[in-house]
C-alpha atoms as a PDB file:
ATOM      1  CA  MET A   1      13.500 133.837 154.404  1.00  0.00           C
ATOM      2  CA  ASN A   2      13.053 130.375 152.963  1.00  0.00           C
ATOM      3  CA  LYS A   3      12.286 126.705 154.536  1.00  0.00           C
ATOM      4  CA  GLN A   4      15.404 125.593 153.321  1.00  0.00           C
ATOM      5  CA  ASN A   5      17.040 128.720 155.365  1.00  0.00           C
ATOM      6  CA  ILE A   6      14.666 127.632 158.682  1.00  0.00           C
ATOM      7  CA  GLN A   7      14.831 124.390 158.354  1.00  0.00           C
ATOM      8  CA  THR A   8      19.182 124.529 158.898  1.00  0.00           C
ATOM      9  CA  LEU A   9      18.945 126.947 161.742  1.00  0.00           C
ATOM     10  CA  PHE A  10      16.538 124.607 163.495  1.00  0.00           C
ATOM     11  CA  LYS A  11      18.392 121.542 162.603  1.00  0.00           C
ATOM     12  CA  TYR A  12      21.771 123.379 164.106  1.00  0.00           C
ATOM     13  CA  ASN A  13      19.213 124.195 167.064  1.00  0.00           C
ATOM     14  CA  GLN A  14      18.982 120.868 167.248  1.00  0.00           C
ATOM     15  CA  TRP A  15      22.294 119.652 167.244  1.00  0.00           C
ATOM     16  CA  ALA A  16      23.865 122.161 169.761  1.00  0.00           C
ATOM     17  CA  ASN A  17      21.314 121.289 171.720  1.00  0.00           C
ATOM     18  CA  GLY A  18      21.887 117.706 171.317  1.00  0.00           C
ATOM     19  CA  LYS A  19      25.948 118.472 173.093  1.00  0.00           C
ATOM     20  CA  ILE A  20      24.506 120.493 175.881  1.00  0.00           C
ATOM     21  CA  PHE A  21      21.808 117.428 177.127  1.00  0.00           C
ATOM     22  CA  ALA A  22      24.763 114.825 176.391  1.00  0.00           C
ATOM     23  CA  ALA A  23      26.802 117.077 178.446  1.00  0.00           C
ATOM     24  CA  ALA A  24      24.121 117.430 181.138  1.00  0.00           C
ATOM     25  CA  SER A  25      23.363 113.600 181.015  1.00  0.00           C
ATOM     26  CA  ASN A  26      27.172 113.002 182.792  1.00  0.00           C
ATOM     27  CA  LEU A  27      26.132 115.506 185.856  1.00  0.00           C
ATOM     28  CA  THR A  28      24.857 114.324 189.491  1.00  0.00           C
ATOM     29  CA  SER A  29      21.674 114.869 190.378  1.00  0.00           C
ATOM     30  CA  GLU A  30      23.158 117.952 193.165  1.00  0.00           C
ATOM     31  CA  GLN A  31      24.431 119.435 190.074  1.00  0.00           C
ATOM     32  CA  PHE A  32      21.676 119.253 188.064  1.00  0.00           C
ATOM     33  CA  LEU A  33      20.137 120.799 190.582  1.00  0.00           C
ATOM     34  CA  ALA A  34      22.421 123.258 192.081  1.00  0.00           C
ATOM     35  CA  SER A  35      21.742 126.840 191.718  1.00  0.00           C
ATOM     36  CA  ALA A  36      24.391 129.147 189.957  1.00  0.00           C
ATOM     37  CA  ALA A  37      24.756 133.541 189.294  1.00  0.00           C
ATOM     38  CA  PHE A  38      22.515 133.532 185.919  1.00  0.00           C
ATOM     39  CA  PRO A  39      19.437 134.621 184.611  1.00  0.00           C
ATOM     40  CA  HIS A  40      17.159 131.898 185.096  1.00  0.00           C
ATOM     41  CA  GLY A  41      19.316 130.021 187.799  1.00  0.00           C
ATOM     42  CA  GLY A  42      21.737 126.627 187.422  1.00  0.00           C
ATOM     43  CA  ILE A  43      21.407 124.169 184.439  1.00  0.00           C
ATOM     44  CA  ARG A  44      17.992 122.872 185.593  1.00  0.00           C
ATOM     45  CA  GLY A  45      16.555 126.272 185.404  1.00  0.00           C
ATOM     46  CA  THR A  46      18.147 127.558 182.364  1.00  0.00           C
ATOM     47  CA  LEU A  47      17.326 124.061 180.082  1.00  0.00           C
ATOM     48  CA  THR A  48      13.750 124.882 180.959  1.00  0.00           C
ATOM     49  CA  HIS A  49      13.755 128.564 180.079  1.00  0.00           C
ATOM     50  CA  ALA A  50      15.012 127.374 177.131  1.00  0.00           C
ATOM     51  CA  LEU A  51      13.096 124.170 176.337  1.00  0.00           C
ATOM     52  CA  PHE A  52       9.684 126.509 177.801  1.00  0.00           C
ATOM     53  CA  ALA A  53      10.364 129.072 175.398  1.00  0.00           C
ATOM     54  CA  GLU A  54      10.388 126.641 171.983  1.00  0.00           C
ATOM     55  CA  TRP A  55       7.200 125.305 173.518  1.00  0.00           C
ATOM     56  CA  ILE A  56       5.294 128.559 173.534  1.00  0.00           C
ATOM     57  CA  TRP A  57       6.845 129.999 170.114  1.00  0.00           C
ATOM     58  CA  ARG A  58       5.964 126.305 168.573  1.00  0.00           C
ATOM     59  CA  ASN A  59       2.120 126.911 170.019  1.00  0.00           C
ATOM     60  CA  ARG A  60       1.720 130.512 169.251  1.00  0.00           C
ATOM     61  CA  TRP A  61       3.166 130.031 165.309  1.00  0.00           C
ATOM     62  CA  GLN A  62       0.157 127.331 165.470  1.00  0.00           C
ATOM     63  CA  GLY A  63      -2.221 129.567 166.709  1.00  0.00           C
ATOM     64  CA  VAL A  64      -2.438 128.799 170.471  1.00  0.00           C
ATOM     65  CA  SER A  65      -1.190 131.356 172.923  1.00  0.00           C
ATOM     66  CA  PRO A  66      -0.792 129.576 176.493  1.00  0.00           C
ATOM     67  CA  THR A  67      -0.878 131.392 180.013  1.00  0.00           C
ATOM     68  CA  VAL A  68       1.130 129.162 181.764  1.00  0.00           C
ATOM     69  CA  LYS A  69       5.273 128.858 181.935  1.00  0.00           C
ATOM     70  CA  PHE A  70       7.237 125.672 183.055  1.00  0.00           C
ATOM     71  CA  LYS A  71       8.858 125.741 185.992  1.00  0.00           C
ATOM     72  CA  PRO A  72      11.912 123.952 186.781  1.00  0.00           C
ATOM     73  CA  GLU A  73      10.465 122.198 189.658  1.00  0.00           C
ATOM     74  CA  ASP A  74       8.321 120.262 186.726  1.00  0.00           C
ATOM     75  CA  PHE A  75      10.761 119.014 186.191  1.00  0.00           C
ATOM     76  CA  PRO A  76      12.642 117.126 189.172  1.00  0.00           C
ATOM     77  CA  THR A  77      15.439 114.977 187.523  1.00  0.00           C
ATOM     78  CA  PHE A  78      17.672 115.602 184.646  1.00  0.00           C
ATOM     79  CA  GLU A  79      15.610 112.305 182.744  1.00  0.00           C
ATOM     80  CA  ALA A  80      12.346 114.181 183.433  1.00  0.00           C
ATOM     81  CA  LEU A  81      13.810 117.328 181.535  1.00  0.00           C
ATOM     82  CA  HIS A  82      15.349 115.379 178.632  1.00  0.00           C
ATOM     83  CA  THR A  83      12.313 112.874 178.028  1.00  0.00           C
ATOM     84  CA  ARG A  84       9.642 116.455 177.902  1.00  0.00           C
ATOM     85  CA  TRP A  85      12.889 118.047 175.639  1.00  0.00           C
ATOM     86  CA  LEU A  86      13.107 115.220 173.429  1.00  0.00           C
ATOM     87  CA  GLU A  87       9.215 115.068 173.028  1.00  0.00           C
ATOM     88  CA  GLU A  88       9.071 118.754 172.360  1.00  0.00           C
ATOM     89  CA  GLU A  89      12.052 118.973 169.810  1.00  0.00           C
ATOM     90  CA  LYS A  90      10.067 116.008 167.853  1.00  0.00           C
ATOM     91  CA  GLU A  91       6.479 118.174 167.295  1.00  0.00           C
ATOM     92  CA  LEU A  92       8.941 121.258 166.754  1.00  0.00           C
ATOM     93  CA  MET A  93      10.782 119.912 163.968  1.00  0.00           C
ATOM     94  CA  LYS A  94       7.551 118.270 162.497  1.00  0.00           C
ATOM     95  CA  PHE A  95       6.431 122.078 162.262  1.00  0.00           C
ATOM     96  CA  VAL A  96       9.548 123.452 161.113  1.00  0.00           C
ATOM     97  CA  GLU A  97       9.623 120.581 158.258  1.00  0.00           C
ATOM     98  CA  THR A  98       6.165 121.127 157.379  1.00  0.00           C
ATOM     99  CA  VAL A  99       6.050 125.317 157.277  1.00  0.00           C
ATOM    100  CA  SER A 100       5.931 127.226 153.338  1.00  0.00           C
ATOM    101  CA  ASP A 101       7.838 129.425 152.641  1.00  0.00           C
ATOM    102  CA  GLU A 102       4.744 131.406 152.160  1.00  0.00           C
ATOM    103  CA  GLN A 103       3.721 130.916 155.916  1.00  0.00           C
ATOM    104  CA  LEU A 104       7.272 132.338 157.233  1.00  0.00           C
ATOM    105  CA  ASN A 105       6.684 135.386 155.097  1.00  0.00           C
ATOM    106  CA  SER A 106       3.376 135.779 156.690  1.00  0.00           C
ATOM    107  CA  PRO A 107       2.438 137.639 159.806  1.00  0.00           C
ATOM    108  CA  PHE A 108       0.627 135.795 162.376  1.00  0.00           C
ATOM    109  CA  GLN A 109      -0.632 136.945 166.023  1.00  0.00           C
ATOM    110  CA  TYR A 110      -0.457 135.678 169.133  1.00  0.00           C
ATOM    111  CA  THR A 111      -1.433 136.812 172.642  1.00  0.00           C
ATOM    112  CA  SER A 112       1.925 136.968 175.556  1.00  0.00           C
ATOM    113  CA  THR A 113       1.424 134.915 179.097  1.00  0.00           C
ATOM    114  CA  GLU A 114       0.586 138.504 180.108  1.00  0.00           C
ATOM    115  CA  GLY A 115      -2.178 138.969 177.833  1.00  0.00           C
ATOM    116  CA  VAL A 116      -0.317 141.418 175.493  1.00  0.00           C
ATOM    117  CA  LYS A 117      -1.287 141.222 172.082  1.00  0.00           C
ATOM    118  CA  TYR A 118       1.420 141.126 169.274  1.00  0.00           C
ATOM    119  CA  GLU A 119       2.034 140.244 165.406  1.00  0.00           C
ATOM    120  CA  ASN A 120       4.935 138.861 163.941  1.00  0.00           C
ATOM    121  CA  ILE A 121       6.454 138.027 160.629  1.00  0.00           C
ATOM    122  CA  LEU A 122       6.921 134.172 160.664  1.00  0.00           C
ATOM    123  CA  TRP A 123      10.699 133.721 159.908  1.00  0.00           C
ATOM    124  CA  GLU A 124      11.461 136.725 162.469  1.00  0.00           C
ATOM    125  CA  SER A 125      10.020 135.203 165.588  1.00  0.00           C
ATOM    126  CA  MET A 126      11.259 131.394 164.604  1.00  0.00           C
ATOM    127  CA  LEU A 127      15.133 133.224 163.620  1.00  0.00           C
ATOM    128  CA  HIS A 128      14.859 134.346 167.539  1.00  0.00           C
ATOM    129  CA  VAL A 129      13.713 131.123 169.116  1.00  0.00           C
ATOM    130  CA  VAL A 130      17.480 129.999 167.705  1.00  0.00           C
ATOM    131  CA  ASN A 131      19.221 132.784 168.981  1.00  0.00           C
ATOM    132  CA  HIS A 132      17.311 133.020 171.866  1.00  0.00           C
ATOM    133  CA  GLY A 133      18.524 129.063 172.670  1.00  0.00           C
ATOM    134  CA  THR A 134      22.023 130.374 171.502  1.00  0.00           C
ATOM    135  CA  GLN A 135      22.363 132.249 174.788  1.00  0.00           C
ATOM    136  CA  HIS A 136      20.750 130.208 177.138  1.00  0.00           C
ATOM    137  CA  ARG A 137      22.879 127.029 175.258  1.00  0.00           C
ATOM    138  CA  ALA A 138      26.332 129.433 175.935  1.00  0.00           C
ATOM    139  CA  GLU A 139      24.999 129.853 179.413  1.00  0.00           C
ATOM    140  CA  ALA A 140      24.740 126.228 180.247  1.00  0.00           C
ATOM    141  CA  ALA A 141      28.092 125.542 177.746  1.00  0.00           C
ATOM    142  CA  ALA A 142      29.029 127.853 180.753  1.00  0.00           C
ATOM    143  CA  MET A 143      27.986 125.433 183.544  1.00  0.00           C
ATOM    144  CA  LEU A 144      28.586 122.601 182.546  1.00  0.00           C
ATOM    145  CA  THR A 145      32.201 123.178 181.923  1.00  0.00           C
ATOM    146  CA  GLU A 146      32.606 124.275 185.236  1.00  0.00           C
ATOM    147  CA  PHE A 147      31.528 120.781 186.652  1.00  0.00           C
ATOM    148  CA  GLY A 148      33.447 119.069 184.345  1.00  0.00           C
ATOM    149  CA  HIS A 149      31.788 118.377 181.267  1.00  0.00           C
ATOM    150  CA  SER A 150      31.773 120.542 178.833  1.00  0.00           C
ATOM    151  CA  PRO A 151      29.668 120.411 175.762  1.00  0.00           C
ATOM    152  CA  GLY A 152      32.928 121.088 173.564  1.00  0.00           C
ATOM    153  CA  ASP A 153      32.545 124.151 171.160  1.00  0.00           C
ATOM    154  CA  ILE A 154      29.059 124.929 169.561  1.00  0.00           C
ATOM    155  CA  ASP A 155      29.767 126.883 166.969  1.00  0.00           C
ATOM    156  CA  MET A 156      27.346 127.084 163.570  1.00  0.00           C
ATOM    157  CA  ILE A 157      30.124 126.658 161.264  1.00  0.00           C
ATOM    158  CA  LEU A 158      30.997 122.811 163.230  1.00  0.00           C
ATOM    159  CA  PHE A 159      27.700 122.179 162.454  1.00  0.00           C
ATOM    160  CA  PHE A 160      28.009 123.055 159.797  1.00  0.00           C
ATOM    161  CA  ARG A 161      31.012 121.100 158.755  1.00  0.00           C
ATOM    162  CA  LYS A 162      30.166 117.814 160.565  1.00  0.00           C
ATOM    163  CA  LYS A 163      26.786 117.482 157.872  1.00  0.00           C
ATOM    164  CA  ILE A 164      29.505 117.974 154.548  1.00  0.00           C
END
């Protein structure tokens, strides 16, 4: 994996997340807080989980192994979650822009929130983060569509076409 490819994947991730948040900005407070039969609950729970994943992995890549998890209750409003998301996105993209090909292809060590030690190749875990986001964006998109606020298509090919 090389820097250009990983940057492209994270720019897609950023674009697709933006479409989800644009649609979610139309939700009522009740819809944002509503529960749902998805693994992380409703919109708030699903987006909190996705934010947590991006945050914890970036920290791990930078040599820190956090032991805390984000909880939906940490974000009582859409605005609170969106503000925190934009802060993390800025930090994440800064990391992505500065990573080298050598770093991407090197192992790194971290400890899970459960205290288990792991070692992975950096690019593999970075690809995992984008793929993980795809799963939870799809769940959020389904819920948003049910509320009448579809984010539209978030396929990667549409991102590529938009760049041209």
